[in-house]
C-alpha cells in the first residue's frame, strides 16, 4: 500500500495572507490592515481579518503535518506476511 499525495507548488492556504493583504491595498489601506471593522466585543468579527489569517495558517500547518505523516507512513510501512494475517 503506497500513499501518494499531489504536491502543488502553491497551495491555496498559503495564498490567503496575500489575498487579504492585496484586498487591503485595493481598498486604499496598508497591507494586512483590518478589513472587517471592529465588530462587537466577544464575537468572531471583533478580531477583524486576524481570524481569517489564523484559520489559513492553521490549515497550512495541518496540511504540512498530514504530508509528513504520509511520508513517514510510506517509509516505515511493512506489509504483513501471509501467515501473520491468518493467525
C-alpha atoms as a PDB file:
ATOM      1  CA  UNK A   1       0.000   0.000   0.000  1.00  0.00           C
ATOM      2  CA  UNK A   2       1.546   3.254  -1.132  1.00  0.00           C
ATOM      3  CA  UNK A   3       0.037   6.570  -0.161  1.00  0.00           C
ATOM      4  CA  UNK A   4       0.624   9.379  -2.598  1.00  0.00           C
ATOM      5  CA  UNK A   5      -0.490  12.968  -2.293  1.00  0.00           C
ATOM      6  CA  UNK A   6      -0.304  15.544  -5.067  1.00  0.00           C
ATOM      7  CA  UNK A   7       2.131  18.268  -4.192  1.00  0.00           C
ATOM      8  CA  UNK A   8       1.124  21.599  -5.622  1.00  0.00           C
ATOM      9  CA  UNK A   9       3.749  24.279  -5.939  1.00  0.00           C
ATOM     10  CA  UNK A  10       1.455  26.876  -4.361  1.00  0.00           C
ATOM     11  CA  UNK A  11      -1.286  25.727  -2.037  1.00  0.00           C
ATOM     12  CA  UNK A  12      -4.413  27.808  -1.582  1.00  0.00           C
ATOM     13  CA  UNK A  13      -3.983  28.144   2.188  1.00  0.00           C
ATOM     14  CA  UNK A  14      -0.559  29.721   1.698  1.00  0.00           C
ATOM     15  CA  UNK A  15      -2.043  32.358  -0.606  1.00  0.00           C
ATOM     16  CA  UNK A  16      -4.694  33.633   1.830  1.00  0.00           C
ATOM     17  CA  UNK A  17      -2.438  36.210   3.551  1.00  0.00           C
ATOM     18  CA  UNK A  18      -1.508  37.640   0.169  1.00  0.00           C
ATOM     19  CA  UNK A  19      -5.145  37.812  -0.929  1.00  0.00           C
ATOM     20  CA  UNK A  20      -6.144  39.556   2.314  1.00  0.00           C
ATOM     21  CA  UNK A  21      -3.174  41.909   2.015  1.00  0.00           C
ATOM     22  CA  UNK A  22      -3.907  42.759  -1.611  1.00  0.00           C
ATOM     23  CA  UNK A  23      -7.580  43.329  -0.765  1.00  0.00           C
ATOM     24  CA  UNK A  24      -6.470  45.797   1.896  1.00  0.00           C
ATOM     25  CA  UNK A  25      -4.183  47.534  -0.606  1.00  0.00           C
ATOM     26  CA  UNK A  26      -7.021  47.665  -3.146  1.00  0.00           C
ATOM     27  CA  UNK A  27      -9.247  49.344  -0.554  1.00  0.00           C
ATOM     28  CA  UNK A  28      -6.617  52.051  -0.098  1.00  0.00           C
ATOM     29  CA  UNK A  29      -5.202  50.980   3.267  1.00  0.00           C
ATOM     30  CA  UNK A  30      -1.936  49.365   4.359  1.00  0.00           C
ATOM     31  CA  UNK A  31      -1.053  45.714   3.692  1.00  0.00           C
ATOM     32  CA  UNK A  32      -2.916  43.322   6.061  1.00  0.00           C
ATOM     33  CA  UNK A  33      -4.993  46.103   7.556  1.00  0.00           C
ATOM     34  CA  UNK A  34      -8.229  45.049   9.265  1.00  0.00           C
ATOM     35  CA  UNK A  35     -10.837  44.648   6.524  1.00  0.00           C
ATOM     36  CA  UNK A  36     -13.934  43.815   8.549  1.00  0.00           C
ATOM     37  CA  UNK A  37     -14.089  46.670  11.031  1.00  0.00           C
ATOM     38  CA  UNK A  38     -14.008  46.336  14.787  1.00  0.00           C
ATOM     39  CA  UNK A  39     -17.226  44.379  15.275  1.00  0.00           C
ATOM     40  CA  UNK A  40     -18.893  43.729  18.607  1.00  0.00           C
ATOM     41  CA  UNK A  41     -16.684  42.669  21.517  1.00  0.00           C
ATOM     42  CA  UNK A  42     -16.757  38.929  22.118  1.00  0.00           C
ATOM     43  CA  UNK A  43     -17.758  37.957  18.573  1.00  0.00           C
ATOM     44  CA  UNK A  44     -15.659  36.349  15.865  1.00  0.00           C
ATOM     45  CA  UNK A  45     -15.612  39.500  13.759  1.00  0.00           C
ATOM     46  CA  UNK A  46     -14.243  41.591  16.636  1.00  0.00           C
ATOM     47  CA  UNK A  47     -10.773  40.323  15.659  1.00  0.00           C
ATOM     48  CA  UNK A  48     -11.202  41.569  12.114  1.00  0.00           C
ATOM     49  CA  UNK A  49      -9.202  39.757   9.451  1.00  0.00           C
ATOM     50  CA  UNK A  50      -6.911  38.154  12.071  1.00  0.00           C
ATOM     51  CA  UNK A  51      -9.368  35.247  12.418  1.00  0.00           C
ATOM     52  CA  UNK A  52      -9.167  34.575   8.684  1.00  0.00           C
ATOM     53  CA  UNK A  53      -5.356  34.674   8.752  1.00  0.00           C
ATOM     54  CA  UNK A  54      -5.308  32.415  11.814  1.00  0.00           C
ATOM     55  CA  UNK A  55      -7.509  29.793  10.120  1.00  0.00           C
ATOM     56  CA  UNK A  56      -5.384  29.945   6.970  1.00  0.00           C
ATOM     57  CA  UNK A  57      -2.189  29.313   8.921  1.00  0.00           C
ATOM     58  CA  UNK A  58      -3.857  26.502  10.899  1.00  0.00           C
ATOM     59  CA  UNK A  59      -4.904  24.783   7.675  1.00  0.00           C
ATOM     60  CA  UNK A  60      -1.403  25.208   6.221  1.00  0.00           C
ATOM     61  CA  UNK A  61       0.182  23.604   9.293  1.00  0.00           C
ATOM     62  CA  UNK A  62      -2.366  20.774   9.247  1.00  0.00           C
ATOM     63  CA  UNK A  63      -1.683  20.039   5.587  1.00  0.00           C
ATOM     64  CA  UNK A  64       2.063  20.005   6.254  1.00  0.00           C
ATOM     65  CA  UNK A  65       1.612  17.592   9.157  1.00  0.00           C
ATOM     66  CA  UNK A  66      -0.554  15.268   7.046  1.00  0.00           C
ATOM     67  CA  UNK A  67       2.072  15.259   4.302  1.00  0.00           C
ATOM     68  CA  UNK A  68       4.803  14.490   6.840  1.00  0.00           C
ATOM     69  CA  UNK A  69       2.722  11.706   8.379  1.00  0.00           C
ATOM     70  CA  UNK A  70       2.068  10.229   4.937  1.00  0.00           C
ATOM     71  CA  UNK A  71       5.780  10.294   4.118  1.00  0.00           C
ATOM     72  CA  UNK A  72       6.660   8.599   7.420  1.00  0.00           C
ATOM     73  CA  UNK A  73       3.927   6.018   6.887  1.00  0.00           C
ATOM     74  CA  UNK A  74       5.170   5.346   3.370  1.00  0.00           C
ATOM     75  CA  UNK A  75       8.748   4.987   4.627  1.00  0.00           C
ATOM     76  CA  UNK A  76       8.051   2.724   7.593  1.00  0.00           C
ATOM     77  CA  UNK A  77       5.117   0.698   6.287  1.00  0.00           C
ATOM     78  CA  UNK A  78       5.946  -3.025   6.450  1.00  0.00           C
ATOM     79  CA  UNK A  79       3.370  -5.343   4.891  1.00  0.00           C
ATOM     80  CA  UNK A  80       2.282  -8.355   6.937  1.00  0.00           C
ATOM     81  CA  UNK A  81       3.351 -11.794   5.817  1.00  0.00           C
ATOM     82  CA  UNK A  82       0.631 -14.199   4.723  1.00  0.00           C
ATOM     83  CA  UNK A  83       0.985 -16.413   7.827  1.00  0.00           C
ATOM     84  CA  UNK A  84       0.773 -13.358  10.131  1.00  0.00           C
ATOM     85  CA  UNK A  85      -2.636 -12.487   8.742  1.00  0.00           C
ATOM     86  CA  UNK A  86      -4.033 -15.991   9.327  1.00  0.00           C
ATOM     87  CA  UNK A  87      -3.053 -16.161  12.989  1.00  0.00           C
END
